[in-house]
C-alpha atoms as a PDB file:
ATOM      1  CA  UNK A   1    -121.807  77.851 134.993  1.00  0.00           C
ATOM      2  CA  UNK A   2    -120.996  76.314 131.923  1.00  0.00           C
ATOM      3  CA  UNK A   3    -120.513  72.435 131.350  1.00  0.00           C
ATOM      4  CA  UNK A   4    -116.846  72.973 130.614  1.00  0.00           C
ATOM      5  CA  UNK A   5    -116.083  75.249 134.165  1.00  0.00           C
ATOM      6  CA  UNK A   6    -117.612  72.156 135.814  1.00  0.00           C
ATOM      7  CA  UNK A   7    -115.319  69.819 134.399  1.00  0.00           C
ATOM      8  CA  UNK A   8    -112.496  68.943 136.334  1.00  0.00           C
ATOM      9  CA  UNK A   9    -108.977  70.209 135.557  1.00  0.00           C
ATOM     10  CA  UNK A  10    -107.708  66.220 135.366  1.00  0.00           C
ATOM     11  CA  UNK A  11    -110.439  65.526 133.174  1.00  0.00           C
ATOM     12  CA  UNK A  12    -109.791  68.282 130.577  1.00  0.00           C
ATOM     13  CA  UNK A  13    -106.195  67.745 130.817  1.00  0.00           C
ATOM     14  CA  UNK A  14    -106.661  63.836 129.571  1.00  0.00           C
ATOM     15  CA  UNK A  15    -109.050  64.581 126.908  1.00  0.00           C
ATOM     16  CA  UNK A  16    -106.606  67.179 125.629  1.00  0.00           C
ATOM     17  CA  UNK A  17    -103.954  64.698 125.584  1.00  0.00           C
ATOM     18  CA  UNK A  18    -105.529  61.919 124.203  1.00  0.00           C
ATOM     19  CA  UNK A  19    -106.848  64.522 121.130  1.00  0.00           C
ATOM     20  CA  UNK A  20    -103.706  65.046 120.459  1.00  0.00           C
ATOM     21  CA  UNK A  21    -102.478  61.433 120.325  1.00  0.00           C
ATOM     22  CA  UNK A  22    -105.470  59.872 118.888  1.00  0.00           C
ATOM     23  CA  UNK A  23    -104.249  59.155 115.585  1.00  0.00           C
ATOM     24  CA  UNK A  24    -100.811  58.136 116.363  1.00  0.00           C
ATOM     25  CA  UNK A  25    -102.015  55.859 119.494  1.00  0.00           C
ATOM     26  CA  UNK A  26    -104.738  54.100 117.099  1.00  0.00           C
ATOM     27  CA  UNK A  27    -102.103  53.483 114.358  1.00  0.00           C
ATOM     28  CA  UNK A  28     -99.441  51.984 117.127  1.00  0.00           C
ATOM     29  CA  UNK A  29    -101.887  50.267 118.981  1.00  0.00           C
ATOM     30  CA  UNK A  30    -104.575  48.481 116.063  1.00  0.00           C
ATOM     31  CA  UNK A  31    -105.310  45.914 118.134  1.00  0.00           C
ATOM     32  CA  UNK A  32    -104.234  46.114 121.473  1.00  0.00           C
ATOM     33  CA  UNK A  33    -104.933  42.095 122.610  1.00  0.00           C
ATOM     34  CA  UNK A  34    -103.601  40.671 119.225  1.00  0.00           C
ATOM     35  CA  UNK A  35    -100.563  39.366 121.378  1.00  0.00           C
ATOM     36  CA  UNK A  36    -101.974  39.164 124.940  1.00  0.00           C
ATOM     37  CA  UNK A  37    -104.297  35.823 124.961  1.00  0.00           C
ATOM     38  CA  UNK A  38    -104.274  35.992 128.982  1.00  0.00           C
ATOM     39  CA  UNK A  39    -106.276  39.625 128.699  1.00  0.00           C
ATOM     40  CA  UNK A  40    -108.286  38.140 125.952  1.00  0.00           C
ATOM     41  CA  UNK A  41    -109.001  35.002 128.261  1.00  0.00           C
ATOM     42  CA  UNK A  42    -109.808  37.589 131.108  1.00  0.00           C
ATOM     43  CA  UNK A  43    -112.060  39.781 128.943  1.00  0.00           C
ATOM     44  CA  UNK A  44    -113.824  36.481 127.398  1.00  0.00           C
ATOM     45  CA  UNK A  45    -114.516  35.201 130.872  1.00  0.00           C
ATOM     46  CA  UNK A  46    -115.845  39.092 131.939  1.00  0.00           C
ATOM     47  CA  UNK A  47    -118.137  38.505 129.040  1.00  0.00           C
ATOM     48  CA  UNK A  48    -119.423  35.050 130.110  1.00  0.00           C
ATOM     49  CA  UNK A  49    -120.371  36.282 133.291  1.00  0.00           C
ATOM     50  CA  UNK A  50    -122.115  39.191 132.235  1.00  0.00           C
ATOM     51  CA  UNK A  51    -124.406  36.778 129.324  1.00  0.00           C
ATOM     52  CA  UNK A  52    -125.120  34.547 132.385  1.00  0.00           C
ATOM     53  CA  UNK A  53    -126.667  37.318 134.261  1.00  0.00           C
ATOM     54  CA  UNK A  54    -129.107  38.820 131.599  1.00  0.00           C
ATOM     55  CA  UNK A  55    -129.434  41.150 128.488  1.00  0.00           C
ATOM     56  CA  UNK A  56    -128.213  44.531 130.108  1.00  0.00           C
ATOM     57  CA  UNK A  57    -125.513  46.251 128.433  1.00  0.00           C
ATOM     58  CA  UNK A  58    -121.765  46.531 129.393  1.00  0.00           C
ATOM     59  CA  UNK A  59    -120.203  50.286 129.119  1.00  0.00           C
ATOM     60  CA  UNK A  60    -116.897  49.983 128.366  1.00  0.00           C
ATOM     61  CA  UNK A  61    -115.227  53.111 129.869  1.00  0.00           C
ATOM     62  CA  UNK A  62    -111.635  54.668 128.444  1.00  0.00           C
ATOM     63  CA  UNK A  63    -112.509  52.674 125.486  1.00  0.00           C
ATOM     64  CA  UNK A  64    -110.158  54.215 123.343  1.00  0.00           C
ATOM     65  CA  UNK A  65    -110.069  53.346 119.404  1.00  0.00           C
ATOM     66  CA  UNK A  66    -112.657  50.639 120.380  1.00  0.00           C
ATOM     67  CA  UNK A  67    -110.987  47.401 119.987  1.00  0.00           C
ATOM     68  CA  UNK A  68    -111.973  45.724 123.273  1.00  0.00           C
ATOM     69  CA  UNK A  69    -115.440  46.767 122.862  1.00  0.00           C
ATOM     70  CA  UNK A  70    -115.230  45.207 119.401  1.00  0.00           C
ATOM     71  CA  UNK A  71    -114.151  42.181 121.059  1.00  0.00           C
ATOM     72  CA  UNK A  72    -116.805  42.106 123.793  1.00  0.00           C
ATOM     73  CA  UNK A  73    -119.770  42.671 121.017  1.00  0.00           C
ATOM     74  CA  UNK A  74    -118.094  39.946 119.138  1.00  0.00           C
ATOM     75  CA  UNK A  75    -118.766  37.411 122.106  1.00  0.00           C
ATOM     76  CA  UNK A  76    -122.716  38.505 121.713  1.00  0.00           C
ATOM     77  CA  UNK A  77    -122.097  41.061 124.665  1.00  0.00           C
ATOM     78  CA  UNK A  78    -124.111  44.231 124.241  1.00  0.00           C
ATOM     79  CA  UNK A  79    -121.695  46.592 124.481  1.00  0.00           C
ATOM     80  CA  UNK A  80    -120.863  50.477 124.125  1.00  0.00           C
ATOM     81  CA  UNK A  81    -117.976  52.777 124.496  1.00  0.00           C
ATOM     82  CA  UNK A  82    -117.197  55.641 125.878  1.00  0.00           C
ATOM     83  CA  UNK A  83    -114.235  58.131 126.034  1.00  0.00           C
ATOM     84  CA  UNK A  84    -113.463  61.184 127.393  1.00  0.00           C
ATOM     85  CA  UNK A  85    -111.447  62.310 124.132  1.00  0.00           C
ATOM     86  CA  UNK A  86    -113.768  62.726 121.264  1.00  0.00           C
ATOM     87  CA  UNK A  87    -111.232  62.369 118.465  1.00  0.00           C
ATOM     88  CA  UNK A  88    -110.707  58.828 120.235  1.00  0.00           C
ATOM     89  CA  UNK A  89    -114.432  58.488 119.517  1.00  0.00           C
ATOM     90  CA  UNK A  90    -114.605  59.768 116.162  1.00  0.00           C
ATOM     91  CA  UNK A  91    -111.689  57.139 115.147  1.00  0.00           C
ATOM     92  CA  UNK A  92    -113.611  54.423 116.882  1.00  0.00           C
ATOM     93  CA  UNK A  93    -116.925  55.389 115.541  1.00  0.00           C
ATOM     94  CA  UNK A  94    -115.055  55.130 112.013  1.00  0.00           C
ATOM     95  CA  UNK A  95    -112.905  51.558 112.620  1.00  0.00           C
ATOM     96  CA  UNK A  96    -116.746  49.807 114.046  1.00  0.00           C
ATOM     97  CA  UNK A  97    -119.738  51.882 112.413  1.00  0.00           C
ATOM     98  CA  UNK A  98    -121.825  48.929 113.795  1.00  0.00           C
ATOM     99  CA  UNK A  99    -120.994  49.809 117.577  1.00  0.00           C
ATOM    100  CA  UNK A 100    -122.233  52.955 119.502  1.00  0.00           C
ATOM    101  CA  UNK A 101    -119.297  55.106 121.188  1.00  0.00           C
ATOM    102  CA  UNK A 102    -119.782  58.168 123.198  1.00  0.00           C
ATOM    103  CA  UNK A 103    -118.419  60.960 124.616  1.00  0.00           C
ATOM    104  CA  UNK A 104    -118.153  61.043 128.116  1.00  0.00           C
ATOM    105  CA  UNK A 105    -116.167  60.575 131.730  1.00  0.00           C
ATOM    106  CA  UNK A 106    -115.862  57.508 133.819  1.00  0.00           C
ATOM    107  CA  UNK A 107    -115.955  59.758 137.203  1.00  0.00           C
ATOM    108  CA  UNK A 108    -119.835  61.087 136.000  1.00  0.00           C
ATOM    109  CA  UNK A 109    -121.557  58.611 134.288  1.00  0.00           C
ATOM    110  CA  UNK A 110    -124.885  60.158 132.310  1.00  0.00           C
ATOM    111  CA  UNK A 111    -126.436  56.993 133.142  1.00  0.00           C
ATOM    112  CA  UNK A 112    -129.562  55.699 134.954  1.00  0.00           C
ATOM    113  CA  UNK A 113    -129.615  53.925 138.085  1.00  0.00           C
ATOM    114  CA  UNK A 114    -129.402  50.115 137.926  1.00  0.00           C
ATOM    115  CA  UNK A 115    -129.106  49.972 134.193  1.00  0.00           C
ATOM    116  CA  UNK A 116    -125.822  48.143 133.253  1.00  0.00           C
ATOM    117  CA  UNK A 117    -125.141  44.335 133.441  1.00  0.00           C
ATOM    118  CA  UNK A 118    -121.302  45.659 133.290  1.00  0.00           C
ATOM    119  CA  UNK A 119    -118.240  47.704 133.018  1.00  0.00           C
ATOM    120  CA  UNK A 120    -115.279  47.637 131.956  1.00  0.00           C
ATOM    121  CA  UNK A 121    -112.031  50.194 132.366  1.00  0.00           C
ATOM    122  CA  UNK A 122    -109.197  48.735 131.123  1.00  0.00           C
ATOM    123  CA  UNK A 123    -106.055  50.998 131.851  1.00  0.00           C
ATOM    124  CA  UNK A 124    -108.414  53.800 131.979  1.00  0.00           C
ATOM    125  CA  UNK A 125    -108.558  54.709 135.989  1.00  0.00           C
ATOM    126  CA  UNK A 126    -104.856  55.074 136.164  1.00  0.00           C
ATOM    127  CA  UNK A 127    -105.669  58.833 134.996  1.00  0.00           C
ATOM    128  CA  UNK A 128    -108.001  59.207 137.753  1.00  0.00           C
ATOM    129  CA  UNK A 129    -106.606  60.900 140.644  1.00  0.00           C
ATOM    130  CA  UNK A 130    -106.779  59.378 144.001  1.00  0.00           C
ATOM    131  CA  UNK A 131    -108.846  61.745 145.419  1.00  0.00           C
ATOM    132  CA  UNK A 132    -111.543  61.190 142.875  1.00  0.00           C
ATOM    133  CA  UNK A 133    -111.334  57.646 142.951  1.00  0.00           C
ATOM    134  CA  UNK A 134    -114.242  56.721 145.379  1.00  0.00           C
ATOM    135  CA  UNK A 135    -116.654  58.819 143.793  1.00  0.00           C
ATOM    136  CA  UNK A 136    -115.663  57.151 140.287  1.00  0.00           C
ATOM    137  CA  UNK A 137    -116.285  53.729 141.871  1.00  0.00           C
ATOM    138  CA  UNK A 138    -119.401  54.831 143.902  1.00  0.00           C
ATOM    139  CA  UNK A 139    -120.795  55.852 140.551  1.00  0.00           C
ATOM    140  CA  UNK A 140    -120.057  52.424 139.011  1.00  0.00           C
ATOM    141  CA  UNK A 141    -122.093  50.931 141.574  1.00  0.00           C
ATOM    142  CA  UNK A 142    -124.983  53.550 141.302  1.00  0.00           C
ATOM    143  CA  UNK A 143    -125.345  52.427 137.036  1.00  0.00           C
ATOM    144  CA  UNK A 144    -124.840  48.772 138.141  1.00  0.00           C
ATOM    145  CA  UNK A 145    -127.689  46.284 138.262  1.00  0.00           C
ATOM    146  CA  UNK A 146    -127.736  43.745 141.702  1.00  0.00           C
ATOM    147  CA  UNK A 147    -125.394  41.170 140.507  1.00  0.00           C
ATOM    148  CA  UNK A 148    -123.387  43.203 137.451  1.00  0.00           C
ATOM    149  CA  UNK A 149    -119.612  42.791 137.291  1.00  0.00           C
ATOM    150  CA  UNK A 150    -116.560  45.612 136.952  1.00  0.00           C
ATOM    151  CA  UNK A 151    -113.549  43.995 135.309  1.00  0.00           C
ATOM    152  CA  UNK A 152    -110.527  47.004 135.970  1.00  0.00           C
ATOM    153  CA  UNK A 153    -106.869  46.360 134.726  1.00  0.00           C
ATOM    154  CA  UNK A 154    -104.424  48.603 135.342  1.00  0.00           C
ATOM    155  CA  UNK A 155    -100.205  48.664 135.819  1.00  0.00           C
ATOM    156  CA  UNK A 156     -99.051  48.073 139.025  1.00  0.00           C
ATOM    157  CA  UNK A 157     -96.055  48.200 141.422  1.00  0.00           C
ATOM    158  CA  UNK A 158     -94.899  47.353 144.660  1.00  0.00           C
ATOM    159  CA  UNK A 159     -96.072  50.733 145.995  1.00  0.00           C
ATOM    160  CA  UNK A 160     -98.440  53.869 144.664  1.00  0.00           C
ATOM    161  CA  UNK A 161     -96.806  56.068 142.483  1.00  0.00           C
ATOM    162  CA  UNK A 162     -97.694  59.319 140.485  1.00  0.00           C
ATOM    163  CA  UNK A 163     -96.167  60.502 137.000  1.00  0.00           C
ATOM    164  CA  UNK A 164     -96.772  63.278 134.764  1.00  0.00           C
ATOM    165  CA  UNK A 165     -96.155  62.648 130.954  1.00  0.00           C
ATOM    166  CA  UNK A 166     -95.556  65.461 129.152  1.00  0.00           C
ATOM    167  CA  UNK A 167     -94.467  64.261 125.761  1.00  0.00           C
ATOM    168  CA  UNK A 168     -96.561  61.261 123.907  1.00  0.00           C
ATOM    169  CA  UNK A 169     -95.980  60.075 120.196  1.00  0.00           C
ATOM    170  CA  UNK A 170     -94.161  63.132 119.425  1.00  0.00           C
ATOM    171  CA  UNK A 171     -96.874  65.587 120.635  1.00  0.00           C
ATOM    172  CA  UNK A 172     -96.411  67.922 123.813  1.00  0.00           C
ATOM    173  CA  UNK A 173     -98.969  66.595 126.444  1.00  0.00           C
ATOM    174  CA  UNK A 174    -100.157  67.100 130.286  1.00  0.00           C
ATOM    175  CA  UNK A 175    -101.165  63.395 131.015  1.00  0.00           C
ATOM    176  CA  UNK A 176    -100.875  62.376 134.760  1.00  0.00           C
ATOM    177  CA  UNK A 177    -100.757  58.718 135.745  1.00  0.00           C
ATOM    178  CA  UNK A 178    -101.476  57.043 138.988  1.00  0.00           C
ATOM    179  CA  UNK A 179     -99.854  53.404 139.431  1.00  0.00           C
ATOM    180  CA  UNK A 180    -101.202  51.942 142.483  1.00  0.00           C
ATOM    181  CA  UNK A 181    -101.236  48.193 144.290  1.00  0.00           C
ATOM    182  CA  UNK A 182    -104.218  45.705 144.102  1.00  0.00           C
ATOM    183  CA  UNK A 183    -104.670  46.194 147.600  1.00  0.00           C
ATOM    184  CA  UNK A 184    -105.252  49.994 147.008  1.00  0.00           C
ATOM    185  CA  UNK A 185    -107.735  49.555 143.931  1.00  0.00           C
ATOM    186  CA  UNK A 186    -109.701  46.326 145.521  1.00  0.00           C
ATOM    187  CA  UNK A 187    -110.405  48.569 149.250  1.00  0.00           C
ATOM    188  CA  UNK A 188    -111.707  51.478 146.961  1.00  0.00           C
ATOM    189  CA  UNK A 189    -114.076  48.779 145.194  1.00  0.00           C
ATOM    190  CA  UNK A 190    -115.187  47.321 148.485  1.00  0.00           C
ATOM    191  CA  UNK A 191    -115.925  50.886 150.119  1.00  0.00           C
ATOM    192  CA  UNK A 192    -117.805  51.598 147.355  1.00  0.00           C
ATOM    193  CA  UNK A 193    -120.248  48.454 147.687  1.00  0.00           C
ATOM    194  CA  UNK A 194    -118.784  46.421 145.719  1.00  0.00           C
ATOM    195  CA  UNK A 195    -117.271  42.853 146.275  1.00  0.00           C
ATOM    196  CA  UNK A 196    -114.314  41.641 144.979  1.00  0.00           C
ATOM    197  CA  UNK A 197    -114.512  38.510 143.206  1.00  0.00           C
ATOM    198  CA  UNK A 198    -111.071  37.770 141.744  1.00  0.00           C
ATOM    199  CA  UNK A 199    -107.398  39.540 141.526  1.00  0.00           C
ATOM    200  CA  UNK A 200    -105.196  38.455 138.683  1.00  0.00           C
ATOM    201  CA  UNK A 201    -101.466  39.728 137.992  1.00  0.00           C
ATOM    202  CA  UNK A 202     -99.702  39.170 134.643  1.00  0.00           C
ATOM    203  CA  UNK A 203     -95.813  39.745 134.428  1.00  0.00           C
ATOM    204  CA  UNK A 204     -94.871  42.899 132.117  1.00  0.00           C
ATOM    205  CA  UNK A 205     -95.685  42.439 128.406  1.00  0.00           C
ATOM    206  CA  UNK A 206     -92.590  42.986 125.902  1.00  0.00           C
ATOM    207  CA  UNK A 207     -90.896  46.679 126.168  1.00  0.00           C
ATOM    208  CA  UNK A 208     -92.713  47.060 129.467  1.00  0.00           C
ATOM    209  CA  UNK A 209     -91.688  47.619 133.257  1.00  0.00           C
ATOM    210  CA  UNK A 210     -94.928  46.972 135.226  1.00  0.00           C
ATOM    211  CA  UNK A 211     -97.155  44.189 135.917  1.00  0.00           C
ATOM    212  CA  UNK A 212    -100.529  44.178 134.907  1.00  0.00           C
ATOM    213  CA  UNK A 213    -103.382  43.644 137.689  1.00  0.00           C
ATOM    214  CA  UNK A 214    -106.909  42.360 137.072  1.00  0.00           C
ATOM    215  CA  UNK A 215    -109.719  43.086 139.324  1.00  0.00           C
ATOM    216  CA  UNK A 216    -113.116  41.165 139.239  1.00  0.00           C
ATOM    217  CA  UNK A 217    -115.843  42.958 141.562  1.00  0.00           C
ATOM    218  CA  UNK A 218    -119.382  42.429 141.721  1.00  0.00           C
ATOM    219  CA  UNK A 219    -122.304  44.848 142.928  1.00  0.00           C
ATOM    220  CA  UNK A 220    -124.072  42.675 145.430  1.00  0.00           C
ATOM    221  CA  UNK A 221    -127.718  40.938 144.669  1.00  0.00           C
END
């Protein structure tokens, strides 16, 4: 059986969608945190926690154009990016040639056990279906060192919802979004053996309608 056959349909659909919109996305969001000081502060705090624990690297999963990977690098955190879209990875490598970016899926991280000091997944678990989320977080637990941290962010709401987008940036795509409450995501993290350390809710940014949730979790020692 080929690797492509083994790849879940939702991973292929997510890859194809972001390949189609990669250039337009990177142009529209050259620095997705430029006008979000609270987001930057939370990511900075995550970086400080990882650095305080040792020198193990961080995986930025769903790294996109790579601007958040670059922010962690600037903070002195050893970090590499992982994205399901080869075109996104190519753009990130071109923009940040000093950093490492790899094609891969957060749902099947090709990493040895207990090797990461942290995992960051900003607005990327929103494309993982409900029935794949437990295994994804179990994979996070597997590759984290004891004491390692996970920082997640995602658009949220008052209840869990599912939406399929068929067009973006003028491109026809098929991309699923799963909006979840912080309680739903926190329960999945806890079931995977990760301990919730903090929950933060931010109001929707300009031209958006959904609040943004941040969850910080930790693999116990």
